[in-house]
C-alpha atoms as a PDB file:
ATOM      1  CA  UNK A   1       0.023   0.081   0.021  1.00  0.00           C
ATOM      2  CA  UNK A   2       1.310   3.426  -0.888  1.00  0.00           C
ATOM      3  CA  UNK A   3       1.309   6.183   1.615  1.00  0.00           C
ATOM      4  CA  UNK A   4       0.392   9.643   0.128  1.00  0.00           C
ATOM      5  CA  UNK A   5       1.717  12.888   1.430  1.00  0.00           C
ATOM      6  CA  UNK A   6      -1.409  14.558   0.143  1.00  0.00           C
ATOM      7  CA  UNK A   7      -4.731  14.785   1.972  1.00  0.00           C
ATOM      8  CA  UNK A   8      -8.270  15.692   1.046  1.00  0.00           C
ATOM      9  CA  UNK A   9      -8.753  19.416   1.162  1.00  0.00           C
ATOM     10  CA  UNK A  10      -5.124  20.330   0.292  1.00  0.00           C
ATOM     11  CA  UNK A  11      -4.749  23.034  -2.458  1.00  0.00           C
ATOM     12  CA  UNK A  12      -2.427  21.724  -5.135  1.00  0.00           C
ATOM     13  CA  UNK A  13      -0.893  22.830  -8.477  1.00  0.00           C
ATOM     14  CA  UNK A  14      -0.577  20.660 -11.524  1.00  0.00           C
ATOM     15  CA  UNK A  15       3.125  20.464 -12.581  1.00  0.00           C
ATOM     16  CA  UNK A  16       2.827  18.346 -15.872  1.00  0.00           C
ATOM     17  CA  UNK A  17       0.376  17.204 -18.363  1.00  0.00           C
ATOM     18  CA  UNK A  18      -2.571  18.852 -20.276  1.00  0.00           C
ATOM     19  CA  UNK A  19      -3.565  20.940 -17.110  1.00  0.00           C
ATOM     20  CA  UNK A  20      -0.113  22.046 -16.106  1.00  0.00           C
ATOM     21  CA  UNK A  21      -0.255  25.334 -14.020  1.00  0.00           C
ATOM     22  CA  UNK A  22      -3.792  24.903 -12.851  1.00  0.00           C
ATOM     23  CA  UNK A  23      -4.722  25.049  -9.239  1.00  0.00           C
ATOM     24  CA  UNK A  24      -7.499  22.978  -7.400  1.00  0.00           C
ATOM     25  CA  UNK A  25      -8.450  21.355  -4.161  1.00  0.00           C
ATOM     26  CA  UNK A  26      -8.214  17.681  -3.618  1.00  0.00           C
ATOM     27  CA  UNK A  27     -11.709  16.140  -3.545  1.00  0.00           C
ATOM     28  CA  UNK A  28     -10.509  12.609  -2.564  1.00  0.00           C
ATOM     29  CA  UNK A  29      -7.471  10.280  -2.746  1.00  0.00           C
ATOM     30  CA  UNK A  30      -6.909   6.720  -3.913  1.00  0.00           C
ATOM     31  CA  UNK A  31      -3.900   5.702  -1.863  1.00  0.00           C
ATOM     32  CA  UNK A  32      -3.792   2.057  -3.349  1.00  0.00           C
ATOM     33  CA  UNK A  33      -3.240   3.440  -6.841  1.00  0.00           C
ATOM     34  CA  UNK A  34      -1.230   6.548  -5.720  1.00  0.00           C
ATOM     35  CA  UNK A  35      -3.845   8.774  -7.355  1.00  0.00           C
ATOM     36  CA  UNK A  36      -5.955  11.847  -6.404  1.00  0.00           C
ATOM     37  CA  UNK A  37      -8.963  13.628  -7.751  1.00  0.00           C
ATOM     38  CA  UNK A  38      -8.688  17.294  -8.000  1.00  0.00           C
ATOM     39  CA  UNK A  39     -11.640  19.721  -8.363  1.00  0.00           C
ATOM     40  CA  UNK A  40     -11.805  20.955 -12.089  1.00  0.00           C
ATOM     41  CA  UNK A  41      -8.629  19.037 -13.323  1.00  0.00           C
ATOM     42  CA  UNK A  42      -8.320  16.146 -15.699  1.00  0.00           C
ATOM     43  CA  UNK A  43     -12.011  16.521 -16.843  1.00  0.00           C
ATOM     44  CA  UNK A  44     -13.379  13.747 -18.922  1.00  0.00           C
ATOM     45  CA  UNK A  45     -16.577  13.513 -20.822  1.00  0.00           C
ATOM     46  CA  UNK A  46     -18.868  10.545 -19.745  1.00  0.00           C
ATOM     47  CA  UNK A  47     -22.006   9.442 -21.636  1.00  0.00           C
ATOM     48  CA  UNK A  48     -24.573   8.534 -18.983  1.00  0.00           C
ATOM     49  CA  UNK A  49     -27.649   6.299 -19.672  1.00  0.00           C
ATOM     50  CA  UNK A  50     -30.712   7.095 -17.540  1.00  0.00           C
ATOM     51  CA  UNK A  51     -31.102   4.248 -15.023  1.00  0.00           C
ATOM     52  CA  UNK A  52     -34.924   4.932 -14.307  1.00  0.00           C
ATOM     53  CA  UNK A  53     -37.867   7.081 -15.569  1.00  0.00           C
ATOM     54  CA  UNK A  54     -36.967  10.044 -13.223  1.00  0.00           C
ATOM     55  CA  UNK A  55     -33.227  10.052 -13.999  1.00  0.00           C
ATOM     56  CA  UNK A  56     -31.975  11.986 -17.027  1.00  0.00           C
ATOM     57  CA  UNK A  57     -29.225  10.680 -19.372  1.00  0.00           C
ATOM     58  CA  UNK A  58     -26.786  12.808 -21.270  1.00  0.00           C
ATOM     59  CA  UNK A  59     -23.155  13.893 -21.657  1.00  0.00           C
ATOM     60  CA  UNK A  60     -21.563  14.725 -18.355  1.00  0.00           C
ATOM     61  CA  UNK A  61     -18.120  16.233 -17.487  1.00  0.00           C
ATOM     62  CA  UNK A  62     -16.443  14.557 -14.530  1.00  0.00           C
ATOM     63  CA  UNK A  63     -13.032  14.790 -12.882  1.00  0.00           C
ATOM     64  CA  UNK A  64     -10.927  11.678 -13.271  1.00  0.00           C
ATOM     65  CA  UNK A  65      -8.028  10.532 -11.044  1.00  0.00           C
ATOM     66  CA  UNK A  66      -4.470  11.689 -11.857  1.00  0.00           C
ATOM     67  CA  UNK A  67      -1.247  10.529 -10.252  1.00  0.00           C
ATOM     68  CA  UNK A  68       0.022  12.092  -7.180  1.00  0.00           C
ATOM     69  CA  UNK A  69       3.412  12.834  -8.540  1.00  0.00           C
ATOM     70  CA  UNK A  70       1.917  15.326 -11.077  1.00  0.00           C
ATOM     71  CA  UNK A  71       1.013  17.779  -8.501  1.00  0.00           C
ATOM     72  CA  UNK A  72       2.660  20.006  -5.725  1.00  0.00           C
ATOM     73  CA  UNK A  73       0.968  21.224  -2.561  1.00  0.00           C
ATOM     74  CA  UNK A  74       0.620  24.997  -2.311  1.00  0.00           C
ATOM     75  CA  UNK A  75       1.870  26.308   1.037  1.00  0.00           C
ATOM     76  CA  UNK A  76      -0.977  28.312   2.788  1.00  0.00           C
ATOM     77  CA  UNK A  77       1.516  30.805   4.231  1.00  0.00           C
ATOM     78  CA  UNK A  78       3.912  31.457   1.442  1.00  0.00           C
ATOM     79  CA  UNK A  79       1.658  30.536  -1.409  1.00  0.00           C
ATOM     80  CA  UNK A  80       4.261  28.663  -3.210  1.00  0.00           C
ATOM     81  CA  UNK A  81       4.053  25.122  -4.687  1.00  0.00           C
ATOM     82  CA  UNK A  82       6.417  23.176  -2.473  1.00  0.00           C
ATOM     83  CA  UNK A  83       7.428  19.658  -1.389  1.00  0.00           C
ATOM     84  CA  UNK A  84       6.381  18.356   2.014  1.00  0.00           C
ATOM     85  CA  UNK A  85       8.792  17.806   4.898  1.00  0.00           C
ATOM     86  CA  UNK A  86       7.570  15.539   7.621  1.00  0.00           C
ATOM     87  CA  UNK A  87       8.566  16.516  11.240  1.00  0.00           C
ATOM     88  CA  UNK A  88       8.167  14.820  14.526  1.00  0.00           C
ATOM     89  CA  UNK A  89       7.744  16.954  17.512  1.00  0.00           C
ATOM     90  CA  UNK A  90       9.357  16.062  20.949  1.00  0.00           C
ATOM     91  CA  UNK A  91       5.728  14.982  22.038  1.00  0.00           C
ATOM     92  CA  UNK A  92       5.697  12.512  19.247  1.00  0.00           C
ATOM     93  CA  UNK A  93       3.148  14.360  17.240  1.00  0.00           C
ATOM     94  CA  UNK A  94       3.818  14.181  13.319  1.00  0.00           C
ATOM     95  CA  UNK A  95       3.367  17.391  11.171  1.00  0.00           C
ATOM     96  CA  UNK A  96       3.650  18.150   7.450  1.00  0.00           C
ATOM     97  CA  UNK A  97       5.758  21.245   6.839  1.00  0.00           C
ATOM     98  CA  UNK A  98       6.671  23.511   3.796  1.00  0.00           C
ATOM     99  CA  UNK A  99      10.247  22.943   2.497  1.00  0.00           C
ATOM    100  CA  UNK A 100      10.531  26.731   1.779  1.00  0.00           C
ATOM    101  CA  UNK A 101       9.279  28.671   4.751  1.00  0.00           C
ATOM    102  CA  UNK A 102       8.774  25.673   7.302  1.00  0.00           C
ATOM    103  CA  UNK A 103       5.197  26.380   8.116  1.00  0.00           C
ATOM    104  CA  UNK A 104       2.820  23.733   8.888  1.00  0.00           C
ATOM    105  CA  UNK A 105       0.575  22.590   6.062  1.00  0.00           C
END
């Protein structure tokens, strides 16, 4: 099982691919595949069939998972895409920190 340094709710910037430079919030993660789903990024067109009389079919745009290595977390303090440093406090508490300014993410 892969451990992701990214979490739901983090703001990230895409660093490679067709959506390079775009920013968005992580909607959910798929740790077993090392993938994430980002709001408004990697959109795909799906053809939906109505499942019952009340449901409407049609063409729907949907976010698809992309690999976690294609994004960088944006630091909430310095607003720069950064790598994540993991630190352990004396009390044993683990934190994720910005590599640039050292602020907690």
